[in-house]
Protein backbone atom coordinates (compact mmCIF):
# COMPACT_ATOMS: atom_id res chain seq x y z
CA GLN A 1 -12.18 42.09 -29.37
CA VAL A 2 -10.02 39.58 -31.09
CA GLN A 3 -7.78 37.15 -29.75
CA LEU A 4 -4.55 36.00 -31.55
CA VAL A 5 -2.40 32.61 -30.91
CA GLU A 6 0.21 32.05 -32.93
CA SER A 7 1.44 28.44 -34.31
CA GLU A 8 4.66 27.28 -32.53
CA GLY A 9 7.67 29.03 -34.70
CA GLY A 10 10.95 26.66 -34.87
CA LEU A 11 14.73 26.01 -35.74
CA VAL A 12 15.46 26.35 -39.15
CA GLN A 13 19.23 26.29 -41.03
CA ALA A 14 19.57 29.48 -42.88
CA GLY A 15 18.82 28.93 -46.54
CA GLY A 16 15.38 27.31 -44.78
CA SER A 17 12.19 28.09 -45.43
CA LEU A 18 9.47 28.10 -42.14
CA ARG A 19 5.66 29.25 -42.07
CA LEU A 20 3.81 31.00 -39.64
CA SER A 21 0.03 31.08 -38.59
CA CYS A 22 -2.14 33.24 -36.19
CA ALA A 23 -5.14 31.94 -35.48
CA ALA A 24 -7.74 34.85 -34.48
CA SER A 25 -10.99 34.67 -32.69
CA GLY A 26 -13.31 37.22 -32.95
CA ARG A 27 -16.01 39.32 -35.07
CA THR A 28 -14.57 41.68 -36.52
CA PHE A 29 -11.22 40.28 -37.36
CA ARG A 30 -11.90 39.89 -40.99
CA ARG A 31 -12.57 43.62 -41.12
CA SER A 32 -9.13 44.64 -39.70
CA THR A 33 -5.79 45.09 -41.21
CA VAL A 34 -3.82 42.36 -39.52
CA ALA A 35 0.70 42.01 -39.27
CA TRP A 36 3.51 40.15 -38.28
CA PHE A 37 6.15 41.64 -36.09
CA ARG A 38 9.81 40.31 -34.52
CA GLN A 39 11.62 41.16 -31.83
CA PRO A 40 15.50 40.24 -32.51
CA PRO A 41 17.14 39.54 -29.32
CA GLY A 42 18.34 42.40 -27.41
CA LYS A 43 16.57 44.47 -29.89
CA GLU A 44 13.12 46.39 -30.53
CA ARG A 45 10.16 45.08 -31.70
CA GLU A 46 9.95 46.14 -35.93
CA PHE A 47 7.67 45.83 -38.32
CA VAL A 48 7.80 42.57 -40.86
CA ALA A 49 4.80 42.32 -42.86
CA GLU A 50 0.92 43.43 -43.26
CA ILE A 51 -2.16 42.81 -45.28
CA ALA A 52 -5.22 44.81 -45.34
CA TRP A 53 -8.84 43.42 -44.79
CA SER A 54 -9.82 42.95 -48.23
CA ALA A 55 -6.03 40.97 -48.55
CA ILE A 56 -5.61 43.06 -51.54
CA SER A 57 -2.92 45.14 -50.59
CA THR A 58 -0.13 44.14 -48.39
CA ASN A 59 3.24 46.67 -47.20
CA TYR A 60 6.57 44.41 -46.44
CA ALA A 61 9.86 45.75 -44.56
CA ASP A 62 12.72 45.68 -46.58
CA SER A 63 14.32 43.01 -44.49
CA GLY A 64 11.77 40.89 -46.02
CA LYS A 65 10.83 41.96 -49.17
CA GLY A 66 10.78 38.63 -51.95
CA ARG A 67 11.95 36.25 -49.23
CA PHE A 68 8.43 36.58 -47.16
CA THR A 69 4.74 36.18 -48.53
CA ILE A 70 1.78 37.23 -45.87
CA SER A 71 -1.76 36.03 -46.80
CA ARG A 72 -4.75 36.10 -44.61
CA ASP A 73 -7.71 33.73 -44.52
CA ASN A 74 -10.74 35.73 -43.29
CA VAL A 75 -13.15 32.33 -43.87
CA ASN A 76 -11.14 30.54 -41.19
CA ASN A 77 -9.90 33.74 -39.15
CA THR A 78 -6.07 32.68 -40.21
CA LEU A 79 -2.75 34.89 -40.58
CA SER A 80 0.14 33.07 -42.07
CA LEU A 81 3.53 34.16 -42.96
CA GLN A 82 5.16 32.36 -45.45
CA MET A 83 9.39 32.90 -44.99
CA ASN A 84 11.80 31.18 -47.92
CA ASN A 85 15.90 31.80 -47.75
CA LEU A 86 15.66 32.48 -44.02
CA LYS A 87 18.68 34.11 -42.72
CA PRO A 88 20.66 33.92 -39.29
CA GLU A 89 19.65 38.02 -38.86
CA ASP A 90 15.54 36.74 -39.31
CA THR A 91 15.86 35.07 -35.50
CA ALA A 92 13.78 36.40 -33.37
CA VAL A 93 10.19 36.40 -31.12
CA TYR A 94 7.46 36.98 -34.03
CA TYR A 95 4.00 38.19 -33.16
CA CYS A 96 0.98 38.35 -35.01
CA ALA A 97 -1.29 41.38 -34.39
CA ALA A 98 -4.52 43.09 -35.30
CA THR A 99 -6.23 46.91 -36.01
CA LYS A 100 -9.72 47.50 -34.98
CA PRO A 101 -12.13 47.51 -37.95
CA VAL A 102 -9.84 49.97 -40.45
CA TYR A 103 -9.73 50.82 -44.04
CA VAL A 104 -7.26 53.08 -44.63
CA PHE A 105 -3.97 50.92 -45.68
CA PRO A 106 -1.17 51.33 -44.26
CA PRO A 107 -2.03 52.27 -40.82
CA SER A 108 0.23 53.52 -38.07
CA VAL A 109 1.95 50.81 -36.00
CA ASN A 110 -0.20 52.71 -32.71
CA GLU A 111 -3.09 51.18 -34.13
CA TYR A 112 -2.25 47.57 -33.86
CA VAL A 113 -3.97 47.12 -30.70
CA TYR A 114 -4.87 43.42 -31.18
CA TRP A 115 -1.14 41.10 -30.04
CA GLY A 116 -0.65 37.18 -30.08
CA GLN A 117 1.66 36.09 -27.30
CA GLY A 118 4.81 35.78 -29.69
CA THR A 119 6.63 32.67 -30.95
CA GLN A 120 9.79 31.69 -31.31
CA VAL A 121 12.26 31.02 -34.72
CA THR A 122 15.80 30.46 -34.67
CA VAL A 123 18.26 30.68 -38.04
CA SER A 124 21.10 29.05 -37.49
CA ALA A 125 24.47 29.57 -39.63
């Protein structure tokens, strides 16, 4: 079992930066693939980025490539998302998610079975 708690999001102007963090508890976190998803207002939840248990492999949605960086700390059981050059279309509720221990990367979306409560990120024009 893994419990995930996101840090507070925030309001930022377009072109600005924001770093999201997610604190995890549970013994299997360091063997899980972890990811960030987001749900823009009025839209379906969408994938943002994911990182393998070893932190060697990462995968990004096209929307965040070159602007977002996902990282993890398996000693302190944390996951982060550094977001630069933010755009109004990045406005969404952001969720961290984790799989059960898995060694195939990338996992399928339905392998993400642990979810945080979500945190609001608003980017003003």
